[in-house]
Amino acid sequence: MLLAIDTGNTNTLFAVHDGAQWRAQWRSATDMTKTADDYAVWLSQLMEINELSLGMIDDCIISTVVPQSLFNQRNFARRYLKVEPFVVGENVDLFVDVRMAKPSEVGADRLVNAVGAHADYPGPLIVIDSGTATTFDIVGPDGGFEGGIIAPGINLSMKALHDAAAKLPRVAIQKPAHVIGPRQPSRPCNRVSSGVILT
């Protein structure tokens, strides 16, 4: 079985694949201070709930945009899984043609997104990933990474608005009933005075 670890700036996702399907997945807040032992204790208990165990894992792959977490995740794989992990950007070739001036600057998360999206939807694509940052990436017809842009994510944008606008309160993200105010019944217009509509 394969343990896949995807470390983002906010959350880290752990998922187990048995060669045919994903068996389980768990999410944890990304914490650069977590040691290999911390990962082992936390993950072994969650795996047990799903009738899995660390001993069943015979491969591990890590994709991370947080280099400080990689040391302990690599040690976790070596010590508790007894495997040398594959690390996207180090010892894993995704066979993606990165068509940018500096291919090494493209994050592992964006390349993995491009590969996964093209595998499920062959052809030219725009891949949007909303996380700590929101990325918009272009995948060519042959799966090549054409480039893209990075924008602040929803939470970062809301925090920036709150910090910069004195009267704008900090609010939780939720789906509104209406995007632009509630629908109100129209009222007849009585008259117009000095350019102001009076009702």
Protein backbone atom coordinates (compact mmCIF):
# COMPACT_ATOMS: atom_id res chain seq x y z
CA MET A 1 0.00 0.00 0.00
CA LEU A 2 1.03 3.59 -0.66
CA LEU A 3 0.93 6.40 1.85
CA ALA A 4 0.67 9.78 0.11
CA ILE A 5 1.49 12.91 2.13
CA ASP A 6 0.52 16.29 0.69
CA THR A 7 1.79 19.16 2.84
CA GLY A 8 0.31 22.59 2.20
CA ASN A 9 0.87 25.82 4.07
CA THR A 10 -2.27 25.33 6.18
CA ASN A 11 -3.13 21.62 6.13
CA THR A 12 -1.37 18.31 5.55
CA LEU A 13 -3.32 15.48 3.95
CA PHE A 14 -2.42 11.80 4.51
CA ALA A 15 -4.05 9.20 2.26
CA VAL A 16 -3.67 5.44 1.78
CA HIS A 17 -4.00 3.78 -1.64
CA ASP A 18 -4.14 0.01 -2.03
CA GLY A 19 -3.29 -0.07 -5.74
CA ALA A 20 -6.92 0.04 -6.84
CA GLN A 21 -8.58 2.68 -4.71
CA TRP A 22 -8.09 5.18 -1.91
CA ARG A 23 -8.78 3.39 1.38
CA ALA A 24 -8.71 6.33 3.79
CA GLN A 25 -7.55 9.89 4.22
CA TRP A 26 -6.93 12.23 7.13
CA ARG A 27 -6.19 15.93 7.46
CA SER A 28 -3.99 17.66 10.02
CA ALA A 29 -2.93 21.25 10.55
CA THR A 30 0.54 21.76 9.09
CA ASP A 31 2.95 22.08 11.99
CA MET A 32 6.66 22.36 11.30
CA THR A 33 7.47 21.28 14.87
CA LYS A 34 5.85 17.83 14.53
CA THR A 35 8.47 15.12 14.85
CA ALA A 36 8.61 11.70 13.19
CA ASP A 37 7.33 10.24 16.47
CA ASP A 38 4.38 12.66 16.51
CA TYR A 39 3.37 11.58 13.01
CA ALA A 40 3.67 7.90 13.95
CA VAL A 41 1.51 8.15 17.08
CA TRP A 42 -1.17 10.28 15.42
CA LEU A 43 -1.35 8.33 12.17
CA SER A 44 -1.20 4.84 13.67
CA GLN A 45 -4.28 5.54 15.81
CA LEU A 46 -6.27 6.88 12.85
CA MET A 47 -5.23 3.96 10.68
CA GLU A 48 -6.37 1.50 13.32
CA ILE A 49 -9.87 3.00 13.18
CA ASN A 50 -9.92 2.12 9.47
CA GLU A 51 -8.50 -1.38 10.07
CA LEU A 52 -5.13 -0.37 8.66
CA SER A 53 -1.67 -0.26 10.19
CA LEU A 54 1.72 1.31 9.54
CA GLY A 55 3.09 -2.17 8.83
CA MET A 56 0.82 -2.46 5.79
CA ILE A 57 2.49 0.49 4.06
CA ASP A 58 5.28 -0.44 1.65
CA ASP A 59 5.69 2.85 -0.23
CA CYS A 60 5.44 6.54 0.60
CA ILE A 61 5.35 9.67 -1.55
CA ILE A 62 5.59 13.23 -0.24
CA SER A 63 4.61 16.47 -1.95
CA THR A 64 5.31 19.57 0.11
CA VAL A 65 5.46 23.33 -0.18
CA VAL A 66 6.79 23.55 3.38
CA PRO A 67 10.45 22.48 3.27
CA GLN A 68 10.78 22.65 7.07
CA SER A 69 8.28 19.76 7.41
CA LEU A 70 10.08 17.48 4.97
CA PHE A 71 12.90 16.48 7.34
CA ASN A 72 10.55 14.98 9.94
CA GLN A 73 8.21 13.42 7.37
CA ARG A 74 11.17 11.75 5.68
CA ASN A 75 12.38 10.46 9.06
CA PHE A 76 8.88 9.18 9.81
CA ALA A 77 8.87 7.16 6.56
CA ARG A 78 12.33 5.76 7.17
CA ARG A 79 11.88 4.91 10.84
CA TYR A 80 8.26 3.73 11.03
CA LEU A 81 7.43 2.62 7.48
CA LYS A 82 10.91 1.24 6.74
CA VAL A 83 10.88 2.85 3.28
CA GLU A 84 12.79 5.61 1.53
CA PRO A 85 10.06 8.07 0.51
CA PHE A 86 9.64 9.47 -2.96
CA VAL A 87 9.70 13.27 -2.77
CA VAL A 88 8.17 15.33 -5.57
CA GLY A 89 10.84 17.68 -6.84
CA GLU A 90 13.73 15.51 -5.61
CA ASN A 91 13.63 11.85 -6.62
CA VAL A 92 10.33 11.72 -8.50
CA ASP A 93 10.02 12.45 -12.21
CA LEU A 94 6.46 13.51 -13.00
CA PHE A 95 7.25 13.59 -16.74
CA VAL A 96 5.77 17.07 -16.99
CA ASP A 97 7.23 19.52 -19.51
CA VAL A 98 7.44 22.76 -17.53
CA ARG A 99 7.39 25.54 -20.13
CA MET A 100 8.63 28.38 -17.99
CA ALA A 101 11.88 30.32 -17.85
CA LYS A 102 12.69 28.87 -14.41
CA PRO A 103 11.05 25.44 -14.08
CA SER A 104 12.63 24.84 -10.66
CA GLU A 105 10.53 27.66 -9.20
CA VAL A 106 7.22 25.90 -9.89
CA GLY A 107 5.85 24.44 -6.66
CA ALA A 108 5.39 20.69 -6.27
CA ASP A 109 1.71 21.25 -5.47
CA ARG A 110 1.08 22.93 -8.82
CA LEU A 111 2.86 20.22 -10.80
CA VAL A 112 0.99 17.44 -8.98
CA ASN A 113 -2.28 19.28 -9.68
CA ALA A 114 -1.42 19.47 -13.36
CA VAL A 115 -0.60 15.76 -13.58
CA GLY A 116 -3.73 14.70 -11.70
CA ALA A 117 -6.04 17.00 -13.64
CA HIS A 118 -4.65 15.91 -17.01
CA ALA A 119 -4.93 12.23 -16.06
CA ASP A 120 -8.64 12.65 -15.31
CA TYR A 121 -9.42 15.21 -18.03
CA PRO A 122 -7.04 14.85 -21.01
CA GLY A 123 -6.68 17.99 -23.07
CA PRO A 124 -6.05 21.67 -22.38
CA LEU A 125 -7.12 22.76 -18.90
CA ILE A 126 -7.26 25.60 -16.43
CA VAL A 127 -6.66 24.15 -12.96
CA ILE A 128 -7.83 26.22 -10.00
CA ASP A 129 -6.66 25.26 -6.51
CA SER A 130 -8.11 27.20 -3.61
CA GLY A 131 -6.03 26.91 -0.45
CA THR A 132 -3.86 29.31 1.53
CA ALA A 133 -3.21 30.77 -1.92
CA THR A 134 -5.47 30.41 -4.94
CA THR A 135 -3.57 29.21 -8.00
CA PHE A 136 -4.73 29.35 -11.61
CA ASP A 137 -2.59 27.10 -13.81
CA ILE A 138 -2.67 26.33 -17.51
CA VAL A 139 -2.13 22.75 -18.69
CA GLY A 140 -1.47 22.23 -22.40
CA PRO A 141 -3.17 19.63 -24.61
CA ASP A 142 -0.23 17.26 -24.05
CA GLY A 143 -0.17 17.75 -20.27
CA GLY A 144 2.65 20.29 -20.27
CA PHE A 145 2.66 22.97 -17.59
CA GLU A 146 2.28 26.28 -19.43
CA GLY A 147 2.32 28.59 -16.41
CA GLY A 148 -0.16 30.33 -14.18
CA ILE A 149 -0.73 32.88 -11.47
CA ILE A 150 -0.91 32.86 -7.69
CA ALA A 151 -3.41 35.01 -5.81
CA PRO A 152 -4.23 35.30 -2.10
CA GLY A 153 -6.59 32.60 -0.89
CA ILE A 154 -10.05 33.34 0.50
CA ASN A 155 -8.96 33.42 4.15
CA LEU A 156 -5.94 35.61 3.41
CA SER A 157 -8.11 37.99 1.38
CA MET A 158 -10.69 38.25 4.17
CA LYS A 159 -8.00 38.89 6.76
CA ALA A 160 -6.43 41.58 4.58
CA LEU A 161 -9.81 43.29 4.13
CA HIS A 162 -10.46 43.19 7.87
CA ASP A 163 -6.99 44.53 8.68
CA ALA A 164 -7.14 47.33 6.10
CA ALA A 165 -10.77 48.45 6.45
CA ALA A 166 -11.51 49.89 9.89
CA LYS A 167 -15.26 49.18 9.90
CA LEU A 168 -15.23 45.85 8.12
CA PRO A 169 -15.73 43.08 10.69
CA ARG A 170 -14.00 39.72 10.53
CA VAL A 171 -16.60 37.19 9.38
CA ALA A 172 -16.66 33.44 8.91
CA ILE A 173 -16.75 32.00 5.41
CA GLN A 174 -20.20 30.69 4.63
CA LYS A 175 -22.52 30.26 1.69
CA PRO A 176 -24.87 33.25 1.60
CA ALA A 177 -28.55 32.91 0.85
CA HIS A 178 -28.16 35.77 -1.65
CA VAL A 179 -25.03 37.20 -3.22
CA ILE A 180 -26.35 40.77 -3.45
CA GLY A 181 -28.76 41.32 -0.56
CA PRO A 182 -32.11 39.63 0.01
CA ARG A 183 -34.74 39.99 -2.69
CA GLN A 184 -37.16 42.77 -1.79
CA PRO A 185 -40.59 43.35 -3.32
CA SER A 186 -40.54 46.38 -5.59
CA ARG A 187 -42.38 49.47 -4.45
CA PRO A 188 -43.93 52.01 -6.76
CA CYS A 189 -42.01 55.21 -7.32
CA ASN A 190 -43.98 58.30 -6.28
CA ARG A 191 -41.91 61.12 -7.70
CA VAL A 192 -38.42 62.32 -8.49
CA SER A 193 -37.08 65.42 -6.76
CA SER A 194 -33.66 66.96 -7.36
CA GLY A 195 -32.39 63.76 -8.92
CA VAL A 196 -33.41 61.65 -5.88
CA ILE A 197 -36.10 59.02 -6.23
CA LEU A 198 -38.63 59.32 -3.40
CA THR A 199 -40.90 56.39 -2.60
